[in-house]
Amino acid sequence: MDTLRASWRQIEPWYLFMVVLGAFNVGFCIMLVPQFVVASFDSGLAKIGLIMAAWTAGPLIGPWFSKYIDKWGTPKTWLSGLFLINACLAFGVQYSHSVLSLFINMFIQGLIYAIGYSILNLLIVRRYEEKEWHGRTGMLIAAFIIGEVIGFGIAGRIESPGAGFVGASVVMVITSALALLLVPDFNSSFIRKRNQEQQSQQVRKLLLSPFGIMALGWGLLCFSAQILFLPFPVLMREVFQIAPEYSSFVVSISGIIALSFYPIVGKLTERFGADNVLISSSAVKTLVFIVLAYCAFDYHPELVFVVLSMVFVNRCTWPFMMASSQIQAAQLSGECSKSMALTIFMAIAGIGNFLSGVVNSMVTASFGMSSIPLVAAMTASVGVVLLFGNKYRELRHDQHIDQPKHYP
């Protein structure tokens, strides 16, 4: 009970904005944009990946804006402005009659998502002591997942994607006004300055260490997940004959259940090690992709339960993968800055997400959408091999150090 009360005390009113971001930017974009592309453009199936790649490209640039937040305004003005711009973009989706206009729209929406996510995380880092970061960040991630669940659930029942984005724009206008009332300011005493030369040395050191191998494996796993998930509602409908309302329902339910796994993950990583939890959960995800690849090439209506079960399991692996990967990234950073290590780690994941959209379009145009699960399975397998190889290398290194030395 004391732990529960402590968790509730860590919930702030401005966590609401993470819920809105997860629901009406992330959830709506993933569920509605692929359907809008197919309905609006010729050869729409092959263009989904390209359009969604624009949305994932935003997070590659977003983190660099964090250094300008203090110079150009306050958190409340930033978030208010971002949600207002997002409202205009969401309203404009229905008028995006060319691939280029929709590409630009999605890129800016992805950029808004990344900047907004960074600001909300910075509010924790720049307002509270480091000992409170883990608990508060966990609650913020939970708010984001709740938002995704809401977004998937609502968007899955919307027949007209354009009308859905109009509804999202109304919510975001209201959210923009609330941001001016609920978002607090940074505490200037928690803002730290960094040495640029020291940063570049740390980047090189991290990339050439076991951290770099682990981050590359994680990037491939993110690639495999996103190449399958970016066209998710259309993939489910075109390849597995599952309507969006059913696929979104499974994702929403599994997302709610996955929330309960976060407290378990911490205990598992303490007992078995973050590397073992990451490898195990990644192996399960790879197995899911292999099963989906088989179903895609030899699909029968009788396999619908198998496909939906794999979607459910896939969603449930994310808490274990996300938490254990970030813990291991911090552990492998050694003497380097933990924040620097996590920034590089997320950047590599972002590159994987962006490339997944581009490759998705190429594979769909050349081999058909039914080939996407196979590409996901192959890429995930390579990622798991890298993670396992990295662990084996570390074990060999530790054994070499522990061996008794014999002198003549």
Protein backbone atom coordinates (compact mmCIF):
# COMPACT_ATOMS: atom_id res chain seq x y z
CA MET A 1 0.00 0.00 0.00
CA ASP A 2 2.84 2.38 0.81
CA THR A 3 4.37 1.72 -2.62
CA LEU A 4 1.00 2.36 -4.26
CA ARG A 5 0.55 5.65 -2.38
CA ALA A 6 4.08 6.70 -3.33
CA SER A 7 3.31 5.97 -6.99
CA TRP A 8 0.11 8.02 -6.86
CA ARG A 9 2.03 10.95 -5.35
CA GLN A 10 4.32 10.87 -8.37
CA ILE A 11 1.44 11.53 -10.77
CA GLU A 12 1.28 15.16 -11.91
CA PRO A 13 -1.64 16.90 -13.71
CA TRP A 14 0.59 17.61 -16.72
CA TYR A 15 0.95 13.83 -17.36
CA LEU A 16 -2.38 14.36 -19.16
CA PHE A 17 -0.44 15.80 -22.09
CA MET A 18 1.50 12.56 -22.50
CA VAL A 19 -1.84 10.72 -22.69
CA VAL A 20 -3.06 13.09 -25.42
CA LEU A 21 0.24 12.78 -27.29
CA GLY A 22 0.07 8.98 -27.20
CA ALA A 23 -3.59 8.86 -28.23
CA PHE A 24 -4.10 11.55 -30.85
CA ASN A 25 -0.64 11.79 -32.38
CA VAL A 26 0.84 8.29 -32.12
CA GLY A 27 -2.27 6.09 -31.92
CA PHE A 28 -4.23 7.98 -34.57
CA CYS A 29 -1.27 8.22 -36.97
CA ILE A 30 -0.52 4.50 -36.79
CA MET A 31 -4.15 3.42 -37.19
CA LEU A 32 -5.58 6.04 -39.56
CA VAL A 33 -2.76 7.23 -41.85
CA PRO A 34 -2.16 3.84 -43.56
CA GLN A 35 -5.90 3.54 -44.27
CA PHE A 36 -6.00 7.12 -45.59
CA VAL A 37 -3.05 6.46 -47.92
CA VAL A 38 -4.65 3.33 -49.40
CA ALA A 39 -7.98 5.12 -49.92
CA SER A 40 -6.48 8.33 -51.38
CA PHE A 41 -3.58 7.34 -53.66
CA ASP A 42 -2.93 4.94 -56.51
CA SER A 43 -0.63 2.07 -55.47
CA GLY A 44 -1.33 3.15 -51.90
CA LEU A 45 -0.01 -0.07 -50.36
CA ALA A 46 3.50 0.69 -51.62
CA LYS A 47 3.33 4.29 -50.37
CA ILE A 48 2.36 3.57 -46.75
CA GLY A 49 5.93 2.90 -45.64
CA LEU A 50 7.25 6.07 -47.26
CA ILE A 51 4.60 8.27 -45.62
CA MET A 52 5.07 6.64 -42.23
CA ALA A 53 8.85 6.98 -42.60
CA ALA A 54 8.28 10.74 -42.67
CA TRP A 55 6.49 10.48 -39.33
CA THR A 56 9.33 8.43 -37.81
CA ALA A 57 11.94 10.88 -39.19
CA GLY A 58 10.69 13.59 -36.84
CA PRO A 59 12.04 11.86 -33.70
CA LEU A 60 15.52 11.80 -35.29
CA ILE A 61 15.60 15.60 -35.26
CA GLY A 62 13.40 16.29 -32.22
CA PRO A 63 16.03 15.65 -29.48
CA TRP A 64 18.30 18.35 -30.92
CA PHE A 65 15.61 20.93 -30.17
CA SER A 66 15.94 20.34 -26.42
CA LYS A 67 18.86 22.77 -26.18
CA TYR A 68 16.70 25.56 -27.63
CA ILE A 69 13.74 25.11 -25.30
CA ASP A 70 15.20 27.41 -22.63
CA LYS A 71 16.21 30.05 -25.18
CA TRP A 72 12.97 30.30 -27.10
CA GLY A 73 10.29 30.05 -24.42
CA THR A 74 8.94 28.11 -21.47
CA PRO A 75 7.63 24.51 -21.34
CA LYS A 76 4.01 25.70 -21.22
CA THR A 77 4.37 27.95 -24.29
CA TRP A 78 6.21 25.21 -26.17
CA LEU A 79 3.62 22.54 -25.43
CA SER A 80 0.69 24.87 -26.06
CA GLY A 81 2.13 25.88 -29.41
CA LEU A 82 3.01 22.32 -30.38
CA PHE A 83 -0.50 21.02 -29.69
CA LEU A 84 -2.03 23.96 -31.59
CA ILE A 85 0.17 23.29 -34.63
CA ASN A 86 -0.61 19.57 -34.37
CA ALA A 87 -4.32 20.42 -34.36
CA CYS A 88 -3.92 22.35 -37.62
CA LEU A 89 -1.95 19.51 -39.20
CA ALA A 90 -4.46 16.88 -38.09
CA PHE A 91 -7.29 18.95 -39.58
CA GLY A 92 -5.28 19.31 -42.80
CA VAL A 93 -4.81 15.56 -43.35
CA GLN A 94 -8.11 15.29 -45.22
CA TYR A 95 -6.90 18.01 -47.64
CA SER A 96 -3.55 16.33 -48.35
CA HIS A 97 -4.24 15.33 -51.95
CA SER A 98 -0.61 14.68 -52.91
CA VAL A 99 2.00 12.33 -51.48
CA LEU A 100 4.36 15.27 -50.91
CA SER A 101 1.85 17.30 -48.87
CA LEU A 102 1.00 14.29 -46.69
CA PHE A 103 4.71 13.45 -46.35
CA ILE A 104 5.43 16.96 -45.03
CA ASN A 105 2.38 16.84 -42.76
CA MET A 106 3.48 13.53 -41.22
CA PHE A 107 7.07 14.69 -40.83
CA ILE A 108 5.99 17.74 -38.82
CA GLN A 109 3.57 15.66 -36.73
CA GLY A 110 6.43 13.26 -35.95
CA LEU A 111 8.65 16.20 -35.03
CA ILE A 112 5.95 17.56 -32.71
CA TYR A 113 5.63 14.15 -31.07
CA ALA A 114 9.40 13.97 -30.48
CA ILE A 115 9.74 17.51 -29.11
CA GLY A 116 6.66 17.17 -26.91
CA TYR A 117 7.90 13.83 -25.55
CA SER A 118 11.32 15.35 -24.82
CA ILE A 119 9.83 18.37 -23.02
CA LEU A 120 7.64 16.20 -20.80
CA ASN A 121 10.65 14.05 -19.87
CA LEU A 122 12.78 17.15 -19.29
CA LEU A 123 10.15 18.42 -16.85
CA ILE A 124 11.05 15.45 -14.65
CA VAL A 125 14.82 15.79 -15.06
CA ARG A 126 14.76 19.55 -14.48
CA ARG A 127 12.32 19.63 -11.57
CA TYR A 128 13.25 16.66 -9.36
CA GLU A 129 16.28 15.03 -7.78
CA GLU A 130 17.85 12.10 -9.63
CA LYS A 131 16.54 9.61 -7.05
CA GLU A 132 12.99 10.45 -8.20
CA TRP A 133 13.63 10.10 -11.93
CA HIS A 134 13.02 6.37 -12.22
CA GLY A 135 9.63 6.34 -10.50
CA ARG A 136 8.32 9.48 -12.17
CA THR A 137 9.58 8.45 -15.61
CA GLY A 138 7.85 5.09 -15.17
CA MET A 139 4.55 6.83 -14.45
CA LEU A 140 5.07 9.10 -17.47
CA ILE A 141 5.66 6.08 -19.73
CA ALA A 142 2.52 4.48 -18.28
CA ALA A 143 0.58 7.65 -19.20
CA PHE A 144 1.91 7.42 -22.75
CA ILE A 145 0.87 3.76 -23.07
CA ILE A 146 -2.59 4.57 -21.70
CA GLY A 147 -2.82 7.23 -24.40
CA GLU A 148 -1.82 4.73 -27.08
CA VAL A 149 -4.45 2.28 -25.86
CA ILE A 150 -7.11 5.01 -26.01
CA GLY A 151 -5.94 6.11 -29.46
CA PHE A 152 -5.92 2.60 -30.92
CA GLY A 153 -9.30 1.83 -29.40
CA ILE A 154 -10.99 4.96 -30.79
CA ALA A 155 -9.24 5.00 -34.17
CA GLY A 156 -10.03 1.34 -34.82
CA ARG A 157 -13.74 2.18 -34.86
CA ILE A 158 -13.48 5.22 -37.15
CA GLU A 159 -14.52 4.42 -40.72
CA SER A 160 -13.35 7.71 -42.26
CA PRO A 161 -9.69 8.52 -41.42
CA GLY A 162 -10.09 12.16 -42.47
CA ALA A 163 -13.02 12.64 -40.09
CA GLY A 164 -11.01 10.97 -37.33
CA PHE A 165 -8.23 13.51 -37.67
CA VAL A 166 -10.76 16.35 -37.52
CA GLY A 167 -11.88 14.99 -34.15
CA ALA A 168 -8.26 14.76 -33.04
CA SER A 169 -7.72 18.40 -34.00
CA VAL A 170 -10.57 19.50 -31.72
CA VAL A 171 -9.06 17.60 -28.78
CA MET A 172 -5.65 19.15 -29.44
CA VAL A 173 -7.02 22.70 -29.52
CA ILE A 174 -8.51 22.13 -26.06
CA THR A 175 -5.22 20.55 -24.92
CA SER A 176 -3.30 23.57 -26.19
CA ALA A 177 -5.35 25.85 -23.93
CA LEU A 178 -4.95 23.51 -20.94
CA ALA A 179 -1.17 23.49 -21.38
CA LEU A 180 -1.03 27.19 -20.51
CA LEU A 181 -2.76 26.41 -17.21
CA LEU A 182 -1.26 23.08 -16.09
CA VAL A 183 2.34 22.89 -17.34
CA PRO A 184 4.94 24.06 -14.75
CA ASP A 185 8.29 25.73 -15.44
CA PHE A 186 11.76 24.21 -15.21
CA ASN A 187 13.80 24.58 -12.03
CA SER A 188 16.90 26.47 -13.19
CA SER A 189 19.06 24.81 -10.51
CA PHE A 190 18.65 21.45 -12.27
CA ILE A 191 19.87 22.70 -15.67
CA ARG A 192 23.41 21.47 -16.33
CA LYS A 193 25.85 22.70 -18.96
CA ARG A 194 27.87 20.19 -20.98
CA ASN A 195 31.33 20.28 -22.52
CA GLN A 196 31.04 19.78 -26.30
CA GLU A 197 34.52 18.28 -26.74
CA GLN A 198 33.92 15.80 -23.95
CA GLN A 199 30.63 14.78 -25.59
CA SER A 200 32.27 13.84 -28.91
CA GLN A 201 34.89 11.72 -27.12
CA GLN A 202 32.17 9.90 -25.19
CA VAL A 203 30.18 9.19 -28.37
CA ARG A 204 33.20 7.55 -30.01
CA LYS A 205 34.03 5.56 -26.89
CA LEU A 206 30.47 4.29 -26.53
CA LEU A 207 30.06 3.25 -30.17
CA LEU A 208 33.31 1.26 -30.15
CA SER A 209 32.41 -0.60 -26.95
CA PRO A 210 29.97 -3.48 -26.20
CA PHE A 211 27.39 -0.72 -25.82
CA GLY A 212 27.65 -0.08 -29.57
CA ILE A 213 26.97 -3.73 -30.43
CA MET A 214 24.00 -3.85 -28.07
CA ALA A 215 22.62 -0.60 -29.52
CA LEU A 216 22.98 -1.96 -33.07
CA GLY A 217 21.12 -5.13 -32.10
CA TRP A 218 18.40 -3.00 -30.51
CA GLY A 219 18.20 -0.84 -33.64
CA LEU A 220 17.60 -3.94 -35.78
CA LEU A 221 14.89 -5.11 -33.39
CA CYS A 222 13.20 -1.70 -33.61
CA PHE A 223 13.47 -1.89 -37.41
CA SER A 224 11.81 -5.32 -37.45
CA ALA A 225 9.01 -4.20 -35.15
CA GLN A 226 8.28 -0.99 -37.05
CA ILE A 227 8.40 -2.47 -40.55
CA LEU A 228 5.56 -4.71 -39.39
CA PHE A 229 3.73 -2.14 -37.27
CA LEU A 230 3.81 1.03 -39.39
CA PRO A 231 1.26 -0.36 -41.90
CA PHE A 232 -0.44 -2.36 -39.12
CA PRO A 233 -4.20 -1.92 -39.83
CA VAL A 234 -3.74 -2.31 -43.59
CA LEU A 235 -1.38 -5.28 -43.16
CA MET A 236 -3.92 -7.02 -40.94
CA ARG A 237 -6.70 -6.34 -43.44
CA GLU A 238 -4.87 -7.08 -46.70
CA VAL A 239 -2.75 -10.06 -45.65
CA PHE A 240 -4.71 -11.65 -42.80
CA GLN A 241 -8.26 -10.45 -43.65
CA ILE A 242 -8.72 -8.93 -40.17
CA ALA A 243 -10.74 -5.70 -39.99
CA PRO A 244 -9.16 -2.67 -38.23
CA GLU A 245 -11.72 -2.69 -35.41
CA TYR A 246 -10.65 -6.21 -34.40
CA SER A 247 -6.90 -5.70 -34.77
CA SER A 248 -7.06 -2.41 -32.84
CA PHE A 249 -9.12 -4.09 -30.10
CA VAL A 250 -6.43 -6.76 -29.62
CA VAL A 251 -3.70 -4.11 -29.52
CA SER A 252 -5.65 -2.06 -26.97
CA ILE A 253 -6.35 -5.02 -24.68
CA SER A 254 -2.76 -6.25 -24.86
CA GLY A 255 -1.55 -2.71 -24.17
CA ILE A 256 -3.65 -2.54 -20.99
CA ILE A 257 -2.34 -5.92 -19.84
CA ALA A 258 1.24 -4.92 -20.72
CA LEU A 259 0.97 -2.02 -18.25
CA SER A 260 0.87 -4.52 -15.39
CA PHE A 261 4.21 -5.99 -16.48
CA TYR A 262 6.30 -2.90 -15.73
CA PRO A 263 6.63 -3.59 -11.96
CA ILE A 264 7.59 -7.19 -12.78
CA VAL A 265 10.32 -6.17 -15.21
CA GLY A 266 12.32 -4.39 -12.51
CA LYS A 267 12.34 -7.50 -10.32
CA LEU A 268 13.30 -9.74 -13.26
CA THR A 269 16.21 -7.53 -14.30
CA GLU A 270 17.48 -7.47 -10.70
CA ARG A 271 17.29 -11.25 -10.38
CA PHE A 272 18.35 -12.46 -13.84
CA GLY A 273 20.12 -9.41 -15.30
CA ALA A 274 18.89 -6.87 -17.84
CA ASP A 275 20.80 -8.60 -20.66
CA ASN A 276 19.05 -11.94 -20.08
CA VAL A 277 15.61 -10.32 -19.91
CA LEU A 278 16.32 -8.39 -23.12
CA ILE A 279 17.59 -11.45 -25.01
CA SER A 280 14.70 -13.64 -23.83
CA SER A 281 11.95 -11.13 -24.68
CA SER A 282 13.61 -10.34 -28.03
CA ALA A 283 13.75 -14.05 -28.85
CA VAL A 284 10.02 -14.35 -28.11
CA LYS A 285 9.31 -11.38 -30.40
CA THR A 286 11.42 -12.98 -33.15
CA LEU A 287 9.45 -16.22 -32.79
CA VAL A 288 6.23 -14.20 -33.13
CA PHE A 289 7.49 -12.70 -36.39
CA ILE A 290 8.48 -16.14 -37.70
CA VAL A 291 4.96 -17.45 -37.02
CA LEU A 292 3.42 -14.38 -38.69
CA ALA A 293 5.71 -14.86 -41.70
CA TYR A 294 4.52 -18.46 -42.05
CA CYS A 295 0.87 -17.40 -41.73
CA ALA A 296 1.35 -14.64 -44.33
CA PHE A 297 2.68 -17.03 -46.99
CA ASP A 298 0.18 -19.80 -46.31
CA TYR A 299 -2.81 -18.01 -44.82
CA HIS A 300 -6.16 -19.67 -44.19
CA PRO A 301 -9.11 -18.16 -42.29
CA GLU A 302 -8.58 -20.83 -39.64
CA LEU A 303 -5.30 -19.11 -38.71
CA VAL A 304 -6.99 -15.87 -37.61
CA PHE A 305 -6.79 -16.85 -33.93
CA VAL A 306 -3.07 -17.65 -34.31
CA VAL A 307 -2.41 -14.27 -35.94
CA LEU A 308 -4.31 -12.31 -33.28
CA SER A 309 -2.55 -14.31 -30.55
CA MET A 310 0.82 -13.37 -32.06
CA VAL A 311 -0.23 -9.70 -32.16
CA PHE A 312 -1.16 -9.98 -28.48
CA VAL A 313 2.15 -11.63 -27.50
CA ASN A 314 4.13 -9.14 -29.59
CA ARG A 315 2.59 -6.22 -27.73
CA CYS A 316 3.23 -7.87 -24.36
CA THR A 317 6.96 -8.25 -25.06
CA TRP A 318 7.52 -4.48 -25.27
CA PRO A 319 7.56 -3.70 -21.51
CA PHE A 320 10.28 -6.31 -21.01
CA MET A 321 12.28 -5.13 -24.01
CA MET A 322 11.94 -1.40 -23.39
CA ALA A 323 12.79 -1.44 -19.69
CA SER A 324 15.61 -4.02 -19.88
CA SER A 325 17.21 -2.36 -22.92
CA GLN A 326 17.38 1.04 -21.24
CA ILE A 327 18.78 -0.50 -18.06
CA GLN A 328 21.42 -2.38 -20.03
CA ALA A 329 22.28 0.73 -22.04
CA ALA A 330 22.96 2.56 -18.78
CA GLN A 331 24.97 -0.38 -17.42
CA LEU A 332 27.14 -0.69 -20.54
CA SER A 333 27.85 3.05 -20.64
CA GLY A 334 30.57 2.56 -18.02
CA GLU A 335 32.22 5.84 -17.05
CA CYS A 336 30.49 7.74 -19.85
CA SER A 337 27.46 9.96 -19.25
CA LYS A 338 24.28 7.94 -18.75
CA SER A 339 22.18 10.60 -20.47
CA MET A 340 24.59 10.63 -23.43
CA ALA A 341 24.39 6.84 -23.68
CA LEU A 342 20.58 6.87 -23.65
CA THR A 343 20.51 9.66 -26.27
CA ILE A 344 22.71 7.62 -28.62
CA PHE A 345 20.69 4.51 -27.84
CA MET A 346 17.41 6.22 -28.76
CA ALA A 347 18.96 7.82 -31.86
CA ILE A 348 20.01 4.40 -33.22
CA ALA A 349 16.50 3.11 -32.53
CA GLY A 350 15.13 6.15 -34.39
CA ILE A 351 17.30 5.42 -37.41
CA GLY A 352 15.97 1.86 -37.42
CA ASN A 353 12.40 3.14 -37.25
CA PHE A 354 12.95 5.55 -40.16
CA LEU A 355 14.63 2.96 -42.39
CA SER A 356 11.83 0.50 -41.67
CA GLY A 357 9.34 2.79 -43.39
CA VAL A 358 11.50 3.20 -46.50
CA VAL A 359 12.23 -0.54 -46.75
CA ASN A 360 8.54 -1.28 -46.15
CA SER A 361 7.60 0.62 -49.31
CA MET A 362 10.39 -1.03 -51.32
CA VAL A 363 9.47 -4.56 -50.22
CA THR A 364 5.73 -4.00 -50.73
CA ALA A 365 6.28 -2.59 -54.23
CA SER A 366 8.63 -5.42 -55.23
CA PHE A 367 7.29 -8.52 -53.47
CA GLY A 368 3.92 -7.59 -51.97
CA MET A 369 2.83 -6.82 -48.42
CA SER A 370 2.78 -10.51 -47.49
CA SER A 371 6.61 -10.44 -47.53
CA ILE A 372 6.81 -7.86 -44.73
CA PRO A 373 6.57 -10.36 -41.81
CA LEU A 374 9.43 -12.40 -43.34
CA VAL A 375 11.69 -9.32 -43.49
CA ALA A 376 10.75 -8.55 -39.88
CA ALA A 377 11.60 -12.10 -38.79
CA MET A 378 14.97 -12.09 -40.57
CA THR A 379 16.00 -8.70 -39.18
CA ALA A 380 14.90 -9.55 -35.65
CA SER A 381 16.91 -12.78 -35.82
CA VAL A 382 20.08 -10.83 -36.66
CA GLY A 383 19.34 -8.44 -33.78
CA VAL A 384 19.00 -11.31 -31.30
CA VAL A 385 22.24 -12.88 -32.57
CA LEU A 386 24.06 -9.59 -31.95
CA LEU A 387 22.64 -9.33 -28.42
CA PHE A 388 23.54 -12.92 -27.61
CA GLY A 389 27.00 -12.56 -29.17
CA ASN A 390 27.61 -9.43 -27.13
CA LYS A 391 26.66 -11.28 -23.92
CA TYR A 392 28.91 -14.23 -24.83
CA ARG A 393 31.78 -11.83 -25.49
CA GLU A 394 31.25 -10.20 -22.09
CA LEU A 395 31.18 -13.62 -20.38
CA ARG A 396 34.44 -14.62 -22.07
CA HIS A 397 35.97 -11.30 -21.01
CA ASP A 398 34.86 -11.77 -17.38
CA GLN A 399 36.15 -15.36 -17.30
CA HIS A 400 39.51 -14.22 -18.67
CA ILE A 401 39.80 -11.60 -15.93
CA ASP A 402 38.82 -14.07 -13.20
CA GLN A 403 41.28 -16.77 -14.28
CA PRO A 404 44.15 -17.26 -11.80
CA LYS A 405 47.49 -16.19 -13.20
CA HIS A 406 50.40 -18.64 -12.98
CA TYR A 407 53.90 -17.26 -12.86
CA PRO A 408 57.06 -19.33 -13.44
